[in-house]
Structures are given as C-alpha cells and as structure tokens.
C-alpha cells in the first residue's frame, strides 16, 4: 500500500505534494502551510482539495497514472 501511495503522490506537482505533506503528514493548518508555501489561504484550500481528489482517483484506479516525464515539465507551473 505504501508503494502505491508513493506512486500516487508522485503524480502531484511538487508544490501540491508539499502542501499535502505539510497538512496531512506534518499536521499544519491549511493557513500555516499556505504561508510557508507563499500561497493565499483560499488558493491553498483549493489546491489541497484538488490534490486529495487526484490522489483518491489514482489510488482507486479511476484516473491512469501519468508518465513521470509528463510531470516534470514547467508548463503550467504557476497554477
């Protein structure tokens, strides 16, 4: 299960993975994590929601995993 979670986690953009880690693993509030990452609280809430949805979908198998190369592009990095 941990390897599946790790693989699903790698499907997130690095900033989104950091947000999920800070809130879900480190136990920070969304507002505190947003401040650390230089995001507004509203933007962080939206990104956290979408990231969790993505993780669920990948783990459920309803969304295929993307090739790692597709995740390392800088296109759309400012989203």
Protein backbone atom coordinates (compact mmCIF):
# COMPACT_ATOMS: atom_id res chain seq x y z
CA UNK A 1 0.00 0.00 0.00
CA UNK A 2 2.83 2.42 0.79
CA UNK A 3 4.39 1.91 -2.63
CA UNK A 4 1.02 2.62 -4.26
CA UNK A 5 0.61 5.75 -2.16
CA UNK A 6 4.13 6.88 -3.05
CA UNK A 7 3.46 6.32 -6.75
CA UNK A 8 0.17 8.24 -6.48
CA UNK A 9 1.91 11.03 -4.56
CA UNK A 10 4.43 11.42 -7.38
CA UNK A 11 1.51 12.22 -9.68
CA UNK A 12 1.13 15.58 -7.95
CA UNK A 13 3.03 18.72 -8.85
CA UNK A 14 5.86 19.30 -6.36
CA UNK A 15 4.16 22.32 -4.75
CA UNK A 16 0.91 20.37 -4.35
CA UNK A 17 2.76 17.40 -2.89
CA UNK A 18 4.43 19.75 -0.40
CA UNK A 19 1.04 21.16 0.58
CA UNK A 20 -0.45 17.71 1.11
CA UNK A 21 2.60 16.72 3.17
CA UNK A 22 2.52 19.81 5.35
CA UNK A 23 -1.18 19.46 6.11
CA UNK A 24 -1.66 15.70 6.05
CA UNK A 25 1.62 14.46 7.48
CA UNK A 26 3.09 17.37 9.44
CA UNK A 27 -0.30 18.39 10.85
CA UNK A 28 -0.13 22.05 9.86
CA UNK A 29 -3.28 24.04 9.32
CA UNK A 30 -4.03 24.96 5.72
CA UNK A 31 -3.40 28.62 6.57
CA UNK A 32 0.02 27.87 8.08
CA UNK A 33 1.01 25.65 5.15
CA UNK A 34 -0.15 28.34 2.73
CA UNK A 35 2.08 30.87 4.45
CA UNK A 36 5.09 28.53 4.27
CA UNK A 37 4.49 27.95 0.56
CA UNK A 38 3.71 31.58 -0.27
CA UNK A 39 0.08 30.91 -1.23
CA UNK A 40 -3.13 32.58 -0.22
CA UNK A 41 -5.24 30.52 2.17
CA UNK A 42 -8.01 30.25 -0.43
CA UNK A 43 -5.63 29.06 -3.11
CA UNK A 44 -4.13 26.52 -0.71
CA UNK A 45 -7.57 25.15 0.19
CA UNK A 46 -8.43 24.73 -3.49
CA UNK A 47 -5.11 23.10 -4.33
CA UNK A 48 -5.36 20.78 -1.32
CA UNK A 49 -8.87 19.71 -2.30
CA UNK A 50 -7.84 19.04 -5.91
CA UNK A 51 -4.69 17.22 -4.84
CA UNK A 52 -6.62 14.95 -2.49
CA UNK A 53 -9.13 14.26 -5.26
CA UNK A 54 -6.26 13.37 -7.61
CA UNK A 55 -4.72 11.02 -5.03
CA UNK A 56 -8.07 9.28 -4.48
CA UNK A 57 -8.68 8.90 -8.20
CA UNK A 58 -5.22 7.46 -8.85
CA UNK A 59 -5.46 5.06 -5.90
CA UNK A 60 -8.97 3.97 -6.95
CA UNK A 61 -7.76 3.40 -10.49
CA UNK A 62 -10.32 5.78 -11.97
CA UNK A 63 -7.55 8.01 -13.35
CA UNK A 64 -4.50 6.48 -15.00
CA UNK A 65 -1.07 7.42 -13.71
CA UNK A 66 0.82 9.87 -15.87
CA UNK A 67 4.33 9.09 -17.05
CA UNK A 68 6.88 10.76 -14.78
CA UNK A 69 8.24 12.80 -17.72
CA UNK A 70 4.83 14.45 -18.12
CA UNK A 71 5.00 15.65 -14.53
CA UNK A 72 8.41 17.29 -14.77
CA UNK A 73 7.55 19.91 -17.37
CA UNK A 74 7.46 23.54 -16.27
CA UNK A 75 4.36 24.28 -18.32
CA UNK A 76 1.59 25.50 -16.03
CA UNK A 77 3.92 25.66 -13.04
CA UNK A 78 2.43 28.95 -11.88
CA UNK A 79 -1.06 27.47 -11.37
